[in-house]
Amino acid sequence: MGVLIGVTVAVIVGLLIASFFVRRYREATRPHSGWQRTDEVFNDPSTQRVMRVYLDTDGSRHYVEERRGTRGA
């Protein structure tokens, strides 16, 4: 029983740590070549980061963290 609890705790801790390093769906660290910057900016309520929306040639949306001093650039 103790081993099961230990394994369960280890899995939960591992998932929590991994969640800090895994990007969300359609999130990128920087815009790719060909993506078009939009005027849409929003505050991601789960991470408290300001995100900029970019569109690719297919019209798919991608999200890039808006760095300080890059708004309106």
N, C-alpha and C. Protein backbone atom coordinates (compact mmCIF):
# COMPACT_ATOMS: atom_id res chain seq x y z
N MET A 1 0.82 -1.20 0.00
CA MET A 1 0.00 0.00 0.00
C MET A 1 0.86 1.26 0.00
N GLY A 2 1.94 1.24 0.78
CA GLY A 2 2.82 2.40 0.85
C GLY A 2 3.52 2.68 -0.46
N VAL A 3 3.86 1.58 -1.18
CA VAL A 3 4.52 1.74 -2.49
C VAL A 3 3.57 2.40 -3.47
N LEU A 4 2.30 2.03 -3.46
CA LEU A 4 1.30 2.60 -4.36
C LEU A 4 1.13 4.10 -4.10
N ILE A 5 1.08 4.47 -2.84
CA ILE A 5 0.97 5.89 -2.50
C ILE A 5 2.23 6.64 -2.94
N GLY A 6 3.38 6.06 -2.73
CA GLY A 6 4.63 6.70 -3.15
C GLY A 6 4.70 6.89 -4.65
N VAL A 7 4.29 5.89 -5.40
CA VAL A 7 4.29 6.00 -6.87
C VAL A 7 3.28 7.05 -7.31
N THR A 8 2.11 7.07 -6.71
CA THR A 8 1.08 8.06 -7.06
C THR A 8 1.57 9.48 -6.80
N VAL A 9 2.17 9.70 -5.66
CA VAL A 9 2.72 11.03 -5.34
C VAL A 9 3.82 11.41 -6.33
N ALA A 10 4.69 10.48 -6.66
CA ALA A 10 5.77 10.76 -7.60
C ALA A 10 5.22 11.13 -8.98
N VAL A 11 4.19 10.43 -9.43
CA VAL A 11 3.58 10.74 -10.73
C VAL A 11 2.95 12.13 -10.71
N ILE A 12 2.24 12.45 -9.66
CA ILE A 12 1.59 13.77 -9.56
C ILE A 12 2.63 14.88 -9.53
N VAL A 13 3.67 14.72 -8.74
CA VAL A 13 4.74 15.72 -8.68
C VAL A 13 5.42 15.86 -10.05
N GLY A 14 5.67 14.73 -10.72
CA GLY A 14 6.28 14.77 -12.04
C GLY A 14 5.42 15.50 -13.06
N LEU A 15 4.13 15.27 -13.02
CA LEU A 15 3.22 15.97 -13.94
C LEU A 15 3.17 17.47 -13.65
N LEU A 16 3.18 17.83 -12.39
CA LEU A 16 3.18 19.25 -12.05
C LEU A 16 4.45 19.94 -12.54
N ILE A 17 5.59 19.31 -12.35
CA ILE A 17 6.85 19.88 -12.81
C ILE A 17 6.87 19.97 -14.34
N ALA A 18 6.40 18.93 -15.02
CA ALA A 18 6.39 18.93 -16.49
C ALA A 18 5.47 20.01 -17.04
N SER A 19 4.40 20.33 -16.33
CA SER A 19 3.45 21.33 -16.83
C SER A 19 4.09 22.71 -16.96
N PHE A 20 5.16 22.96 -16.23
CA PHE A 20 5.85 24.25 -16.34
C PHE A 20 6.67 24.36 -17.63
N PHE A 21 7.00 23.23 -18.24
CA PHE A 21 7.88 23.23 -19.40
C PHE A 21 7.16 22.90 -20.71
N VAL A 22 5.93 22.47 -20.64
CA VAL A 22 5.18 22.10 -21.84
C VAL A 22 4.32 23.28 -22.27
N ARG A 23 4.42 23.64 -23.55
CA ARG A 23 3.62 24.75 -24.07
C ARG A 23 2.20 24.29 -24.34
N ARG A 24 1.31 25.24 -24.33
CA ARG A 24 -0.09 24.94 -24.62
C ARG A 24 -0.30 24.80 -26.12
N TYR A 25 -1.47 24.34 -26.48
CA TYR A 25 -1.86 24.15 -27.88
C TYR A 25 -1.69 25.45 -28.66
N ARG A 26 -0.98 25.36 -29.78
CA ARG A 26 -0.73 26.48 -30.70
C ARG A 26 0.10 27.60 -30.08
N GLU A 27 0.85 27.33 -29.02
CA GLU A 27 1.70 28.32 -28.41
C GLU A 27 3.12 28.14 -28.92
N ALA A 28 3.80 29.26 -29.19
CA ALA A 28 5.18 29.22 -29.68
C ALA A 28 6.02 30.20 -28.87
N THR A 29 7.32 29.99 -28.86
CA THR A 29 8.21 30.90 -28.14
C THR A 29 8.48 32.17 -28.93
N ARG A 30 8.35 32.07 -30.26
CA ARG A 30 8.53 33.25 -31.11
C ARG A 30 7.75 33.03 -32.41
N PRO A 31 7.37 34.12 -33.10
CA PRO A 31 6.61 33.96 -34.34
C PRO A 31 7.47 33.32 -35.43
N HIS A 32 6.89 32.45 -36.21
CA HIS A 32 7.59 31.81 -37.31
C HIS A 32 7.53 32.69 -38.56
N SER A 33 8.42 32.45 -39.48
CA SER A 33 8.43 33.16 -40.74
C SER A 33 7.10 32.90 -41.46
N GLY A 34 6.48 33.95 -41.93
CA GLY A 34 5.21 33.82 -42.64
C GLY A 34 3.99 34.05 -41.77
N TRP A 35 4.17 34.08 -40.45
CA TRP A 35 3.04 34.37 -39.59
C TRP A 35 2.77 35.86 -39.62
N GLN A 36 1.51 36.23 -39.62
CA GLN A 36 1.13 37.64 -39.66
C GLN A 36 0.66 38.07 -38.27
N ARG A 37 1.26 39.12 -37.78
CA ARG A 37 0.92 39.66 -36.46
C ARG A 37 -0.47 40.30 -36.53
N THR A 38 -1.29 40.07 -35.49
CA THR A 38 -2.60 40.71 -35.42
C THR A 38 -2.59 41.75 -34.30
N ASP A 39 -3.68 42.49 -34.20
CA ASP A 39 -3.82 43.46 -33.12
C ASP A 39 -4.37 42.82 -31.84
N GLU A 40 -4.66 41.53 -31.92
CA GLU A 40 -5.29 40.85 -30.78
C GLU A 40 -4.25 40.45 -29.74
N VAL A 41 -4.44 40.97 -28.54
CA VAL A 41 -3.58 40.67 -27.40
C VAL A 41 -4.51 40.33 -26.24
N PHE A 42 -4.16 39.32 -25.45
CA PHE A 42 -5.01 38.97 -24.32
C PHE A 42 -4.17 38.48 -23.16
N ASN A 43 -4.75 38.57 -21.98
CA ASN A 43 -4.10 38.08 -20.77
C ASN A 43 -4.56 36.65 -20.54
N ASP A 44 -3.63 35.70 -20.59
CA ASP A 44 -3.96 34.29 -20.35
C ASP A 44 -4.25 34.13 -18.86
N PRO A 45 -5.51 33.81 -18.51
CA PRO A 45 -5.87 33.77 -17.10
C PRO A 45 -5.18 32.65 -16.32
N SER A 46 -4.74 31.59 -16.99
CA SER A 46 -4.11 30.50 -16.25
C SER A 46 -2.64 30.74 -15.97
N THR A 47 -1.98 31.57 -16.78
CA THR A 47 -0.55 31.82 -16.57
C THR A 47 -0.24 33.28 -16.26
N GLN A 48 -1.23 34.15 -16.41
CA GLN A 48 -1.06 35.59 -16.19
C GLN A 48 -0.06 36.21 -17.17
N ARG A 49 0.13 35.57 -18.34
CA ARG A 49 1.02 36.12 -19.35
C ARG A 49 0.19 36.84 -20.40
N VAL A 50 0.76 37.90 -20.97
CA VAL A 50 0.11 38.61 -22.07
C VAL A 50 0.52 37.91 -23.36
N MET A 51 -0.47 37.49 -24.14
CA MET A 51 -0.22 36.72 -25.36
C MET A 51 -0.66 37.51 -26.59
N ARG A 52 0.12 37.43 -27.66
CA ARG A 52 -0.18 38.06 -28.96
C ARG A 52 -0.65 36.96 -29.90
N VAL A 53 -1.64 37.25 -30.71
CA VAL A 53 -2.17 36.29 -31.68
C VAL A 53 -1.51 36.55 -33.04
N TYR A 54 -1.05 35.47 -33.68
CA TYR A 54 -0.49 35.51 -35.03
C TYR A 54 -1.31 34.55 -35.90
N LEU A 55 -1.41 34.86 -37.18
CA LEU A 55 -2.09 33.98 -38.13
C LEU A 55 -1.07 33.43 -39.11
N ASP A 56 -1.19 32.13 -39.45
CA ASP A 56 -0.31 31.58 -40.47
C ASP A 56 -1.04 31.63 -41.82
N THR A 57 -0.40 31.11 -42.86
CA THR A 57 -0.95 31.21 -44.22
C THR A 57 -2.26 30.44 -44.38
N ASP A 58 -2.52 29.47 -43.50
CA ASP A 58 -3.78 28.71 -43.55
C ASP A 58 -4.88 29.40 -42.75
N GLY A 59 -4.54 30.48 -42.04
CA GLY A 59 -5.51 31.16 -41.19
C GLY A 59 -5.57 30.60 -39.78
N SER A 60 -4.67 29.66 -39.46
CA SER A 60 -4.63 29.10 -38.10
C SER A 60 -4.03 30.13 -37.15
N ARG A 61 -4.56 30.14 -35.95
CA ARG A 61 -4.09 31.07 -34.92
C ARG A 61 -2.96 30.45 -34.12
N HIS A 62 -1.98 31.29 -33.77
CA HIS A 62 -0.87 30.88 -32.92
C HIS A 62 -0.68 31.95 -31.87
N TYR A 63 -0.18 31.55 -30.70
CA TYR A 63 -0.06 32.45 -29.57
C TYR A 63 1.40 32.55 -29.13
N VAL A 64 1.89 33.80 -29.03
CA VAL A 64 3.27 34.06 -28.63
C VAL A 64 3.23 35.04 -27.47
N GLU A 65 4.00 34.74 -26.43
CA GLU A 65 4.04 35.64 -25.28
C GLU A 65 4.52 37.01 -25.72
N GLU A 66 3.80 38.03 -25.32
CA GLU A 66 4.14 39.42 -25.64
C GLU A 66 5.17 39.89 -24.63
N ARG A 67 6.36 40.17 -25.10
CA ARG A 67 7.43 40.63 -24.21
C ARG A 67 7.24 42.10 -23.91
N ARG A 68 7.76 42.54 -22.80
CA ARG A 68 7.69 43.97 -22.45
C ARG A 68 8.36 44.80 -23.53
N GLY A 69 7.71 45.89 -23.86
CA GLY A 69 8.28 46.81 -24.85
C GLY A 69 8.04 46.41 -26.29
N THR A 70 7.29 45.31 -26.55
CA THR A 70 7.03 44.92 -27.92
C THR A 70 5.61 45.25 -28.37
N ARG A 71 4.80 45.72 -27.49
CA ARG A 71 3.45 46.11 -27.91
C ARG A 71 3.53 47.27 -28.87
N GLY A 72 2.79 47.18 -29.94
CA GLY A 72 2.77 48.26 -30.93
C GLY A 72 3.97 48.26 -31.83
N ALA A 73 4.87 47.30 -31.65
CA ALA A 73 6.08 47.23 -32.48
C ALA A 73 5.78 46.60 -33.82
